[in-house]
Every structure is written in C-alpha cells, then in structure tokens.
N, C-alpha and C. Protein backbone atom coordinates (compact mmCIF):
# COMPACT_ATOMS: atom_id res chain seq x y z
N UNK A 1 -77.51 18.22 23.14
CA UNK A 1 -77.77 17.79 24.51
C UNK A 1 -79.24 17.41 24.65
N UNK A 2 -79.57 16.22 25.16
CA UNK A 2 -80.96 15.80 25.28
C UNK A 2 -81.73 16.66 26.28
N UNK A 3 -83.01 16.83 25.98
CA UNK A 3 -83.88 17.61 26.87
C UNK A 3 -84.34 16.69 28.00
N UNK A 4 -84.12 17.14 29.25
CA UNK A 4 -84.47 16.30 30.40
C UNK A 4 -85.97 16.32 30.68
N UNK A 5 -86.59 17.48 30.56
CA UNK A 5 -88.01 17.59 30.86
C UNK A 5 -88.74 18.12 29.63
N UNK A 6 -89.20 17.19 28.78
CA UNK A 6 -89.82 17.59 27.51
C UNK A 6 -91.12 18.37 27.73
N UNK A 7 -91.89 18.01 28.77
CA UNK A 7 -93.14 18.73 29.04
C UNK A 7 -92.87 20.18 29.39
N UNK A 8 -91.86 20.40 30.22
CA UNK A 8 -91.52 21.77 30.61
C UNK A 8 -91.03 22.56 29.39
N UNK A 9 -90.21 21.93 28.56
CA UNK A 9 -89.70 22.59 27.36
C UNK A 9 -90.84 22.94 26.40
N UNK A 10 -91.78 22.01 26.21
CA UNK A 10 -92.94 22.27 25.35
C UNK A 10 -93.75 23.44 25.91
N UNK A 11 -93.94 23.48 27.22
CA UNK A 11 -94.73 24.55 27.83
C UNK A 11 -94.06 25.91 27.63
N UNK A 12 -92.74 25.95 27.69
CA UNK A 12 -92.01 27.21 27.45
C UNK A 12 -92.25 27.69 26.02
N UNK A 13 -92.20 26.78 25.06
CA UNK A 13 -92.44 27.14 23.66
C UNK A 13 -93.88 27.61 23.48
N UNK A 14 -94.83 26.90 24.10
CA UNK A 14 -96.24 27.31 24.03
C UNK A 14 -96.41 28.73 24.55
N UNK A 15 -95.78 29.03 25.68
CA UNK A 15 -95.92 30.36 26.29
C UNK A 15 -95.40 31.46 25.38
N UNK A 16 -94.29 31.21 24.69
CA UNK A 16 -93.74 32.20 23.75
C UNK A 16 -94.73 32.40 22.60
N UNK A 17 -95.28 31.30 22.08
CA UNK A 17 -96.23 31.39 20.96
C UNK A 17 -97.50 32.12 21.39
N UNK A 18 -98.00 31.81 22.57
CA UNK A 18 -99.21 32.49 23.07
C UNK A 18 -98.96 33.99 23.22
N UNK A 19 -97.78 34.33 23.74
CA UNK A 19 -97.45 35.75 23.91
C UNK A 19 -97.41 36.46 22.56
N UNK A 20 -96.76 35.83 21.56
CA UNK A 20 -96.70 36.42 20.23
C UNK A 20 -98.12 36.63 19.68
N UNK A 21 -98.94 35.61 19.79
CA UNK A 21 -100.30 35.69 19.25
C UNK A 21 -101.14 36.72 19.98
N UNK A 22 -101.01 36.77 21.30
CA UNK A 22 -101.78 37.73 22.11
C UNK A 22 -101.36 39.17 21.80
N UNK A 23 -100.08 39.38 21.50
CA UNK A 23 -99.58 40.73 21.24
C UNK A 23 -99.81 41.21 19.81
N UNK A 24 -100.30 40.34 18.93
CA UNK A 24 -100.61 40.79 17.57
C UNK A 24 -101.76 41.79 17.61
N UNK A 25 -101.58 42.91 16.96
CA UNK A 25 -102.67 43.89 16.91
C UNK A 25 -103.82 43.29 16.13
N UNK A 26 -105.07 43.54 16.56
CA UNK A 26 -106.24 42.91 15.92
C UNK A 26 -106.28 43.09 14.40
N UNK A 27 -105.95 44.27 13.90
CA UNK A 27 -106.01 44.49 12.44
C UNK A 27 -104.92 43.69 11.72
N UNK A 28 -103.74 43.56 12.35
CA UNK A 28 -102.65 42.78 11.75
C UNK A 28 -102.99 41.29 11.77
N UNK A 29 -103.55 40.83 12.90
CA UNK A 29 -103.96 39.43 13.02
C UNK A 29 -104.99 39.10 11.94
N UNK A 30 -105.99 39.96 11.78
CA UNK A 30 -107.03 39.73 10.77
C UNK A 30 -106.43 39.65 9.37
N UNK A 31 -105.51 40.56 9.07
CA UNK A 31 -104.85 40.57 7.75
C UNK A 31 -104.08 39.27 7.51
N UNK A 32 -103.27 38.85 8.49
CA UNK A 32 -102.48 37.62 8.35
C UNK A 32 -103.38 36.40 8.25
N UNK A 33 -104.42 36.37 9.09
CA UNK A 33 -105.34 35.22 9.10
C UNK A 33 -106.03 35.03 7.76
N UNK A 34 -106.43 36.14 7.14
CA UNK A 34 -107.09 36.05 5.83
C UNK A 34 -106.12 35.51 4.78
N UNK A 35 -104.89 36.00 4.79
CA UNK A 35 -103.89 35.52 3.81
C UNK A 35 -103.65 34.02 3.98
N UNK A 36 -103.49 33.58 5.23
CA UNK A 36 -103.22 32.16 5.49
C UNK A 36 -104.40 31.30 5.06
N UNK A 37 -105.61 31.73 5.39
CA UNK A 37 -106.79 30.96 4.98
C UNK A 37 -106.92 30.91 3.47
N UNK A 38 -106.66 32.03 2.80
CA UNK A 38 -106.73 32.04 1.33
C UNK A 38 -105.68 31.12 0.73
N UNK A 39 -104.49 31.08 1.33
CA UNK A 39 -103.45 30.17 0.84
C UNK A 39 -103.91 28.73 0.93
N UNK A 40 -104.60 28.38 2.01
CA UNK A 40 -105.16 27.03 2.13
C UNK A 40 -106.25 26.81 1.08
N UNK A 41 -107.18 27.74 0.97
CA UNK A 41 -108.32 27.60 0.06
C UNK A 41 -107.90 27.57 -1.41
N UNK A 42 -106.79 28.18 -1.74
CA UNK A 42 -106.30 28.21 -3.13
C UNK A 42 -105.36 27.05 -3.45
N UNK A 43 -105.17 26.15 -2.50
CA UNK A 43 -104.23 25.05 -2.70
C UNK A 43 -104.90 23.85 -3.37
N UNK A 44 -104.09 23.01 -4.00
CA UNK A 44 -104.58 21.76 -4.56
C UNK A 44 -105.09 20.82 -3.46
N UNK A 45 -104.50 20.93 -2.27
CA UNK A 45 -104.95 20.09 -1.15
C UNK A 45 -106.44 20.31 -0.89
N UNK A 46 -106.83 21.58 -0.84
CA UNK A 46 -108.24 21.91 -0.61
C UNK A 46 -109.08 21.54 -1.84
N UNK A 47 -108.62 21.94 -3.01
CA UNK A 47 -109.37 21.71 -4.24
C UNK A 47 -109.68 20.23 -4.45
N UNK A 48 -108.72 19.37 -4.16
CA UNK A 48 -108.86 17.94 -4.42
C UNK A 48 -109.63 17.17 -3.35
N UNK A 49 -109.90 17.80 -2.22
CA UNK A 49 -110.61 17.11 -1.14
C UNK A 49 -112.12 17.33 -1.26
N UNK A 50 -112.89 16.30 -0.93
CA UNK A 50 -114.35 16.43 -0.90
C UNK A 50 -114.85 16.74 0.51
N UNK A 51 -114.10 16.27 1.52
CA UNK A 51 -114.49 16.51 2.91
C UNK A 51 -113.37 17.24 3.62
N UNK A 52 -113.72 18.34 4.31
CA UNK A 52 -112.75 19.13 5.04
C UNK A 52 -113.05 18.96 6.53
N UNK A 53 -112.10 18.36 7.24
CA UNK A 53 -112.20 18.25 8.69
C UNK A 53 -111.53 19.50 9.25
N UNK A 54 -112.32 20.42 9.75
CA UNK A 54 -111.81 21.71 10.22
C UNK A 54 -112.13 21.86 11.70
N UNK A 55 -112.05 23.06 12.20
CA UNK A 55 -112.38 23.36 13.60
C UNK A 55 -112.81 24.81 13.67
N UNK A 56 -113.56 25.13 14.72
CA UNK A 56 -113.97 26.52 14.95
C UNK A 56 -112.87 27.14 15.80
N UNK A 57 -112.23 28.16 15.27
CA UNK A 57 -111.07 28.75 15.94
C UNK A 57 -111.45 29.55 17.18
N UNK A 58 -110.50 29.56 18.13
CA UNK A 58 -110.58 30.43 19.29
C UNK A 58 -109.82 31.70 18.95
N UNK A 59 -109.98 32.74 19.77
CA UNK A 59 -109.35 34.03 19.48
C UNK A 59 -107.84 33.95 19.31
N UNK A 60 -107.18 33.08 20.05
CA UNK A 60 -105.72 32.98 19.99
C UNK A 60 -105.24 32.22 18.75
N UNK A 61 -106.14 31.50 18.11
CA UNK A 61 -105.80 30.71 16.93
C UNK A 61 -105.98 31.53 15.66
N UNK A 62 -105.35 31.07 14.59
CA UNK A 62 -105.60 31.66 13.28
C UNK A 62 -107.07 31.40 12.95
N UNK A 63 -107.76 32.42 12.55
CA UNK A 63 -109.19 32.30 12.28
C UNK A 63 -109.47 31.24 11.21
N UNK A 64 -110.55 30.51 11.42
CA UNK A 64 -111.01 29.57 10.40
C UNK A 64 -112.33 30.03 9.78
N UNK A 65 -112.78 31.22 10.12
CA UNK A 65 -114.09 31.71 9.66
C UNK A 65 -114.25 31.66 8.14
N UNK A 66 -113.25 32.16 7.42
CA UNK A 66 -113.32 32.18 5.95
C UNK A 66 -113.35 30.76 5.39
N UNK A 67 -112.57 29.87 5.97
CA UNK A 67 -112.54 28.47 5.52
C UNK A 67 -113.89 27.82 5.75
N UNK A 68 -114.46 27.97 6.94
CA UNK A 68 -115.75 27.34 7.23
C UNK A 68 -116.82 27.82 6.26
N UNK A 69 -116.88 29.12 6.04
CA UNK A 69 -117.89 29.67 5.14
C UNK A 69 -117.66 29.21 3.70
N UNK A 70 -116.41 29.18 3.28
CA UNK A 70 -116.08 28.76 1.91
C UNK A 70 -116.45 27.30 1.67
N UNK A 71 -116.17 26.44 2.65
CA UNK A 71 -116.51 25.02 2.51
C UNK A 71 -118.03 24.87 2.41
N UNK A 72 -118.75 25.55 3.27
CA UNK A 72 -120.22 25.45 3.25
C UNK A 72 -120.79 25.91 1.91
N UNK A 73 -120.20 26.92 1.31
CA UNK A 73 -120.69 27.45 0.03
C UNK A 73 -120.22 26.62 -1.17
N UNK A 74 -119.23 25.77 -0.98
CA UNK A 74 -118.60 25.06 -2.10
C UNK A 74 -119.30 23.76 -2.51
N UNK A 75 -120.13 23.22 -1.62
CA UNK A 75 -120.71 21.91 -1.90
C UNK A 75 -119.87 20.76 -1.35
N UNK A 76 -118.72 21.09 -0.78
CA UNK A 76 -117.90 20.07 -0.11
C UNK A 76 -118.52 19.78 1.26
N UNK A 77 -118.11 18.68 1.86
CA UNK A 77 -118.57 18.34 3.21
C UNK A 77 -117.70 19.04 4.24
N UNK A 78 -118.33 19.66 5.23
CA UNK A 78 -117.62 20.27 6.35
C UNK A 78 -117.84 19.39 7.57
N UNK A 79 -116.76 18.91 8.15
CA UNK A 79 -116.84 18.10 9.37
C UNK A 79 -116.10 18.83 10.48
N UNK A 80 -116.77 18.98 11.62
CA UNK A 80 -116.18 19.68 12.76
C UNK A 80 -116.11 18.75 13.97
N UNK A 81 -115.14 18.98 14.86
CA UNK A 81 -114.92 18.06 15.97
C UNK A 81 -115.85 18.31 17.16
N UNK A 82 -116.15 17.22 17.85
CA UNK A 82 -116.87 17.26 19.12
C UNK A 82 -116.04 16.46 20.11
N UNK A 83 -115.70 17.08 21.22
CA UNK A 83 -114.89 16.43 22.25
C UNK A 83 -115.73 15.41 23.02
N UNK A 84 -115.06 14.35 23.45
CA UNK A 84 -115.72 13.37 24.33
C UNK A 84 -114.73 12.91 25.37
N UNK A 85 -115.20 12.09 26.28
CA UNK A 85 -114.36 11.64 27.39
C UNK A 85 -113.11 10.95 26.88
N UNK A 86 -112.08 10.98 27.71
CA UNK A 86 -110.82 10.35 27.34
C UNK A 86 -109.98 11.21 26.42
N UNK A 87 -110.28 12.52 26.37
CA UNK A 87 -109.57 13.45 25.49
C UNK A 87 -109.59 12.98 24.04
N UNK A 88 -110.77 12.57 23.60
CA UNK A 88 -110.95 12.10 22.21
C UNK A 88 -111.94 13.01 21.50
N UNK A 89 -111.87 12.99 20.17
CA UNK A 89 -112.81 13.78 19.37
C UNK A 89 -113.43 12.90 18.29
N UNK A 90 -114.67 13.24 17.97
CA UNK A 90 -115.37 12.67 16.83
C UNK A 90 -115.72 13.84 15.92
N UNK A 91 -115.80 13.58 14.63
CA UNK A 91 -116.18 14.63 13.68
C UNK A 91 -117.60 14.40 13.21
N UNK A 92 -118.34 15.51 13.05
CA UNK A 92 -119.72 15.48 12.59
C UNK A 92 -119.86 16.39 11.39
N UNK A 93 -120.68 15.97 10.42
CA UNK A 93 -120.96 16.78 9.23
C UNK A 93 -121.88 17.93 9.63
N UNK A 94 -121.47 19.13 9.24
CA UNK A 94 -122.21 20.35 9.56
C UNK A 94 -122.61 21.00 8.24
N UNK A 95 -123.89 21.31 8.09
CA UNK A 95 -124.34 21.97 6.87
C UNK A 95 -124.64 23.45 7.08
N UNK A 96 -124.65 23.87 8.36
CA UNK A 96 -124.91 25.26 8.70
C UNK A 96 -124.31 25.52 10.07
N UNK A 97 -123.69 26.67 10.26
CA UNK A 97 -123.04 26.97 11.54
C UNK A 97 -124.04 27.14 12.68
N UNK A 98 -125.32 27.25 12.36
CA UNK A 98 -126.34 27.31 13.43
C UNK A 98 -126.49 25.95 14.11
N UNK A 99 -125.87 24.91 13.55
CA UNK A 99 -125.93 23.56 14.14
C UNK A 99 -124.87 23.37 15.23
N UNK A 100 -124.19 24.45 15.61
CA UNK A 100 -123.16 24.38 16.63
C UNK A 100 -123.69 24.87 17.97
N UNK A 101 -123.13 24.32 19.04
CA UNK A 101 -123.46 24.81 20.38
C UNK A 101 -122.21 24.70 21.24
N UNK A 102 -122.19 25.43 22.36
CA UNK A 102 -121.03 25.39 23.24
C UNK A 102 -120.88 24.03 23.87
N UNK A 103 -119.62 23.55 23.87
CA UNK A 103 -119.32 22.25 24.46
C UNK A 103 -118.13 22.36 25.40
N UNK A 104 -117.25 21.35 25.35
CA UNK A 104 -116.05 21.33 26.19
C UNK A 104 -115.27 22.63 26.02
N UNK A 105 -114.73 23.14 27.12
CA UNK A 105 -113.89 24.35 27.11
C UNK A 105 -114.58 25.54 26.45
N UNK A 106 -115.91 25.54 26.43
CA UNK A 106 -116.70 26.61 25.79
C UNK A 106 -116.45 26.72 24.29
N UNK A 107 -115.98 25.64 23.67
CA UNK A 107 -115.78 25.63 22.22
C UNK A 107 -117.10 25.38 21.52
N UNK A 108 -117.26 25.98 20.35
CA UNK A 108 -118.44 25.68 19.54
C UNK A 108 -118.24 24.34 18.87
N UNK A 109 -119.18 23.42 19.10
CA UNK A 109 -119.10 22.06 18.58
C UNK A 109 -120.42 21.69 17.91
N UNK A 110 -120.38 20.68 17.04
CA UNK A 110 -121.62 20.22 16.41
C UNK A 110 -122.60 19.68 17.46
N UNK A 111 -123.86 20.00 17.26
CA UNK A 111 -124.93 19.45 18.10
C UNK A 111 -125.24 18.05 17.57
N UNK A 112 -125.02 17.03 18.38
CA UNK A 112 -125.23 15.65 17.94
C UNK A 112 -126.67 15.39 17.52
N UNK A 113 -127.60 16.18 18.00
CA UNK A 113 -129.01 16.02 17.64
C UNK A 113 -129.29 16.53 16.23
N UNK A 114 -128.43 17.40 15.72
CA UNK A 114 -128.66 18.03 14.42
C UNK A 114 -127.67 17.62 13.34
N UNK A 115 -126.60 16.93 13.73
CA UNK A 115 -125.52 16.60 12.79
C UNK A 115 -125.25 15.10 12.78
N UNK A 116 -124.85 14.63 11.62
CA UNK A 116 -124.53 13.21 11.45
C UNK A 116 -123.03 12.99 11.67
N UNK A 117 -122.69 11.94 12.39
CA UNK A 117 -121.29 11.61 12.64
C UNK A 117 -120.60 11.24 11.33
N UNK A 118 -119.40 11.76 11.12
CA UNK A 118 -118.63 11.45 9.92
C UNK A 118 -118.23 9.99 9.94
N UNK A 119 -118.54 9.28 8.85
CA UNK A 119 -118.18 7.87 8.79
C UNK A 119 -117.23 7.57 7.63
N UNK A 120 -117.15 8.45 6.66
CA UNK A 120 -116.32 8.21 5.48
C UNK A 120 -115.26 9.30 5.38
N UNK A 121 -114.00 8.94 5.60
CA UNK A 121 -112.93 9.94 5.55
C UNK A 121 -112.16 9.89 4.23
N UNK A 122 -112.65 9.09 3.28
CA UNK A 122 -112.00 9.07 1.98
C UNK A 122 -112.03 10.46 1.35
N UNK A 123 -110.98 10.79 0.63
CA UNK A 123 -110.89 12.06 -0.07
C UNK A 123 -111.10 13.25 0.87
N UNK A 124 -110.43 13.19 2.02
CA UNK A 124 -110.56 14.27 2.99
C UNK A 124 -109.22 14.88 3.33
N UNK A 125 -109.27 16.06 3.92
CA UNK A 125 -108.10 16.72 4.48
C UNK A 125 -108.48 17.20 5.87
N UNK A 126 -107.59 17.02 6.82
CA UNK A 126 -107.84 17.44 8.20
C UNK A 126 -106.98 18.66 8.52
N UNK A 127 -107.65 19.74 8.86
CA UNK A 127 -106.98 20.95 9.28
C UNK A 127 -106.72 20.82 10.78
N UNK A 128 -105.44 20.75 11.16
CA UNK A 128 -105.05 20.46 12.54
C UNK A 128 -104.63 21.75 13.24
N UNK A 129 -105.25 22.07 14.38
CA UNK A 129 -104.85 23.28 15.09
C UNK A 129 -103.48 23.13 15.74
N UNK A 130 -102.79 24.23 15.88
CA UNK A 130 -101.49 24.22 16.55
C UNK A 130 -101.03 25.63 16.83
N UNK A 131 -100.27 25.76 17.90
CA UNK A 131 -99.69 27.07 18.25
C UNK A 131 -98.40 27.31 17.46
N UNK A 132 -97.61 26.23 17.31
CA UNK A 132 -96.30 26.30 16.67
C UNK A 132 -96.14 25.04 15.81
N UNK A 133 -95.52 25.18 14.66
CA UNK A 133 -95.19 24.04 13.81
C UNK A 133 -93.70 24.09 13.52
N UNK A 134 -93.14 22.94 13.14
CA UNK A 134 -91.74 22.97 12.71
C UNK A 134 -91.64 22.56 11.24
N UNK A 135 -90.44 22.60 10.71
CA UNK A 135 -90.22 22.37 9.28
C UNK A 135 -90.39 20.91 8.88
N UNK A 136 -90.60 20.04 9.87
CA UNK A 136 -90.87 18.63 9.60
C UNK A 136 -92.34 18.29 9.81
N UNK A 137 -93.16 19.31 10.07
CA UNK A 137 -94.59 19.11 10.20
C UNK A 137 -95.08 18.81 11.61
N UNK A 138 -94.19 18.74 12.58
CA UNK A 138 -94.62 18.49 13.95
C UNK A 138 -95.15 19.79 14.55
N UNK A 139 -95.99 19.66 15.56
CA UNK A 139 -96.66 20.83 16.11
C UNK A 139 -96.75 20.74 17.62
N UNK A 140 -97.01 21.90 18.20
CA UNK A 140 -97.41 21.97 19.60
C UNK A 140 -98.79 22.59 19.61
N UNK A 141 -99.74 21.86 20.15
CA UNK A 141 -101.08 22.39 20.31
C UNK A 141 -101.20 22.96 21.72
N UNK A 142 -102.38 22.80 22.29
CA UNK A 142 -102.63 23.35 23.62
C UNK A 142 -102.35 22.33 24.73
N UNK A 143 -101.88 21.15 24.36
CA UNK A 143 -101.41 20.20 25.36
C UNK A 143 -102.42 19.21 25.90
N UNK A 144 -103.61 19.17 25.33
CA UNK A 144 -104.63 18.23 25.82
C UNK A 144 -104.60 16.89 25.10
N UNK A 145 -104.01 16.84 23.91
CA UNK A 145 -103.83 15.58 23.20
C UNK A 145 -104.99 15.08 22.37
N UNK A 146 -106.04 15.88 22.20
CA UNK A 146 -107.21 15.44 21.43
C UNK A 146 -106.82 15.07 20.00
N UNK A 147 -106.11 15.96 19.31
CA UNK A 147 -105.74 15.69 17.93
C UNK A 147 -104.67 14.62 17.82
N UNK A 148 -103.76 14.55 18.80
CA UNK A 148 -102.74 13.49 18.77
C UNK A 148 -103.42 12.13 18.77
N UNK A 149 -104.45 11.97 19.58
CA UNK A 149 -105.17 10.69 19.63
C UNK A 149 -105.92 10.44 18.32
N UNK A 150 -106.59 11.46 17.80
CA UNK A 150 -107.34 11.30 16.56
C UNK A 150 -106.42 10.94 15.39
N UNK A 151 -105.29 11.62 15.28
CA UNK A 151 -104.41 11.44 14.14
C UNK A 151 -103.75 10.06 14.10
N UNK A 152 -103.74 9.36 15.22
CA UNK A 152 -103.17 8.01 15.23
C UNK A 152 -103.93 7.07 14.28
N UNK A 153 -105.23 7.33 14.11
CA UNK A 153 -106.03 6.45 13.24
C UNK A 153 -106.50 7.13 11.95
N UNK A 154 -106.13 8.39 11.76
CA UNK A 154 -106.53 9.11 10.55
C UNK A 154 -105.48 8.91 9.47
N UNK A 155 -105.91 8.46 8.29
CA UNK A 155 -104.96 8.14 7.22
C UNK A 155 -104.96 9.17 6.08
N UNK A 156 -105.75 10.22 6.22
CA UNK A 156 -105.81 11.23 5.16
C UNK A 156 -104.72 12.27 5.28
N UNK A 157 -104.81 13.29 4.44
CA UNK A 157 -103.86 14.41 4.45
C UNK A 157 -104.16 15.29 5.65
N UNK A 158 -103.11 15.77 6.32
CA UNK A 158 -103.24 16.68 7.45
C UNK A 158 -102.55 18.00 7.11
N UNK A 159 -103.18 19.11 7.44
CA UNK A 159 -102.62 20.43 7.17
C UNK A 159 -102.65 21.28 8.43
N UNK A 160 -101.66 22.14 8.55
CA UNK A 160 -101.61 23.08 9.66
C UNK A 160 -101.54 24.50 9.12
N UNK A 161 -101.92 25.45 9.97
CA UNK A 161 -101.79 26.86 9.63
C UNK A 161 -101.00 27.53 10.75
N UNK A 162 -100.04 28.37 10.37
CA UNK A 162 -99.16 28.97 11.37
C UNK A 162 -98.62 30.29 10.86
N UNK A 163 -98.40 31.23 11.76
CA UNK A 163 -97.69 32.45 11.38
C UNK A 163 -96.24 32.07 11.11
N UNK A 164 -95.65 32.62 10.06
CA UNK A 164 -94.30 32.22 9.69
C UNK A 164 -93.30 32.48 10.81
N UNK A 165 -93.53 33.48 11.66
CA UNK A 165 -92.61 33.75 12.78
C UNK A 165 -92.68 32.67 13.85
N UNK A 166 -93.67 31.80 13.78
CA UNK A 166 -93.80 30.73 14.76
C UNK A 166 -93.49 29.35 14.17
N UNK A 167 -92.86 29.34 13.01
CA UNK A 167 -92.39 28.08 12.43
C UNK A 167 -90.95 27.87 12.91
N UNK A 168 -90.74 26.79 13.63
CA UNK A 168 -89.44 26.46 14.21
C UNK A 168 -88.70 25.47 13.30
N UNK A 169 -87.40 25.38 13.48
CA UNK A 169 -86.63 24.37 12.74
C UNK A 169 -86.99 22.97 13.21
N UNK A 170 -87.01 22.78 14.54
CA UNK A 170 -87.34 21.46 15.07
C UNK A 170 -87.92 21.62 16.48
N UNK A 171 -89.08 21.00 16.69
CA UNK A 171 -89.75 21.04 17.99
C UNK A 171 -89.49 19.75 18.75
N UNK A 172 -89.55 19.81 20.08
CA UNK A 172 -89.49 18.56 20.84
C UNK A 172 -90.73 17.74 20.53
N UNK A 173 -90.57 16.44 20.48
CA UNK A 173 -91.72 15.59 20.14
C UNK A 173 -91.69 14.31 20.94
N UNK A 174 -92.88 13.77 21.12
CA UNK A 174 -93.03 12.52 21.83
C UNK A 174 -93.34 11.38 20.88
N UNK A 175 -93.43 10.21 21.43
CA UNK A 175 -93.66 9.00 20.65
C UNK A 175 -94.96 9.06 19.86
N UNK A 176 -96.01 9.66 20.42
CA UNK A 176 -97.33 9.67 19.78
C UNK A 176 -97.56 10.87 18.87
N UNK A 177 -96.62 11.79 18.81
CA UNK A 177 -96.78 12.95 17.94
C UNK A 177 -96.70 12.53 16.48
N UNK A 178 -97.61 13.09 15.69
CA UNK A 178 -97.65 12.77 14.26
C UNK A 178 -97.58 14.08 13.48
N UNK A 179 -96.71 14.16 12.47
CA UNK A 179 -96.59 15.40 11.72
C UNK A 179 -97.74 15.59 10.73
N UNK A 180 -97.97 16.85 10.39
CA UNK A 180 -98.91 17.16 9.31
C UNK A 180 -98.16 17.04 7.99
N UNK A 181 -98.90 17.00 6.89
CA UNK A 181 -98.30 16.87 5.56
C UNK A 181 -97.93 18.21 4.93
N UNK A 182 -98.58 19.27 5.40
CA UNK A 182 -98.34 20.60 4.83
C UNK A 182 -98.67 21.66 5.88
N UNK A 183 -97.88 22.74 5.87
CA UNK A 183 -98.13 23.87 6.77
C UNK A 183 -98.27 25.12 5.90
N UNK A 184 -99.36 25.86 6.13
CA UNK A 184 -99.61 27.10 5.41
C UNK A 184 -99.30 28.29 6.32
N UNK A 185 -98.53 29.24 5.80
CA UNK A 185 -98.27 30.49 6.51
C UNK A 185 -98.67 31.64 5.59
N UNK A 186 -98.48 32.85 6.07
CA UNK A 186 -98.80 34.02 5.25
C UNK A 186 -97.76 34.24 4.15
N UNK A 187 -96.57 33.63 4.27
CA UNK A 187 -95.50 33.86 3.30
C UNK A 187 -95.13 32.63 2.49
N UNK A 188 -95.32 31.45 3.03
CA UNK A 188 -94.88 30.25 2.33
C UNK A 188 -95.72 29.04 2.73
N UNK A 189 -95.53 27.98 1.95
CA UNK A 189 -96.18 26.70 2.22
C UNK A 189 -95.08 25.67 2.37
N UNK A 190 -95.15 24.88 3.43
CA UNK A 190 -94.19 23.79 3.64
C UNK A 190 -94.84 22.48 3.29
N UNK A 191 -94.38 21.83 2.23
CA UNK A 191 -94.87 20.49 1.88
C UNK A 191 -93.98 19.47 2.57
N UNK A 192 -94.57 18.59 3.36
CA UNK A 192 -93.83 17.59 4.11
C UNK A 192 -94.47 16.22 3.83
N UNK A 193 -93.71 15.29 3.32
CA UNK A 193 -94.30 13.96 3.09
C UNK A 193 -93.37 12.88 3.49
C-alpha cells in the first residue's frame, strides 16, 4: 500500500531512531561507536582514499572522534563541512581540530579564515551522517537536506555508519535521495553498488 504522507512517515521513523539513540547507556554507546569507527578505519574504502570527507558528530550521532583523529595522524586529507545558505554545504581541508568554530545549529565547522576550501574530490570517500539506513543504502538524516543536495553532485564513494538495530529493510525515499555505497555497523558491513 503506498504511503500517503512520506514526510510524516519519515518523521515517525526518525523519532524511533532518536529514542533508541537517546536511550543507549553512555558506556554502551561509546563501546558501539568505537567498534563502528574501527570497522570503517580498517576497511579498504578508508585505506584506498586519500581524502576523507567526514563530519563532527553530535551527541545523538555515532561518534566520529576516533575517525577524525586517525585521519589527521595518517597524512590523509581531512575535509569537514561548513553550512551555507540554501541548506548547502561546502567542505574545507582541516589540519587541526583547533581550526573549528561553532557555526549553524551550534555545530563545529571549519573556520574559513584558517582552512582552504576542498577543490579536488578525486580519490575521496564521504562519510554521510544518518539516523537510520536501509539495506539498499538509503538513509534518513535530520531532515534538513544538506547532504542530499551535496550528494547530487558528488561522484565519489559514500559511506554511512549505523547501529545494526537501526538498519531497516527499506526506507521511504524521495526523488532526490541518493544511497550510500557502504554502511558500517558494529556487527556487519553492507556493500551496496
């Protein structure tokens, strides 16, 4: 049966995912987050990329702390997003986390005065935030559409991180939704191409 109100259905799924994430005990969340990040860092996707387009995680998201630090120590390029008008993002090369400052939605973003805008996305992988992913690589984020807009013109590999309990068989999707190529969880990796 077709879904009449896709926005309402997506919001219901988001609320369930937020509740699950909020109810995770801090020590359990930390344990799962480390495993998921290590699974990403130990993958060929990470190993083969020279530039990692990542993000600074919020408390409700799977932590990216280990990934950010590992990229900075590896000699690879770390690019982080900066929000701009029109619900769009640009990525800037960051060589030290001290180059970040609070921006839109109180997120830590690159300081444009200290960081160079990313111009070469060859040999890169984009770590895409999401609350829920499905087995076909589609996701539900926080509903603002920043990454949906960015991914329309990004031609590199896209990866998501998700708790395995929040991986669905199939999520509702819109015309502009673009799937990721791989999803990392604490128990398995979903390769989608």
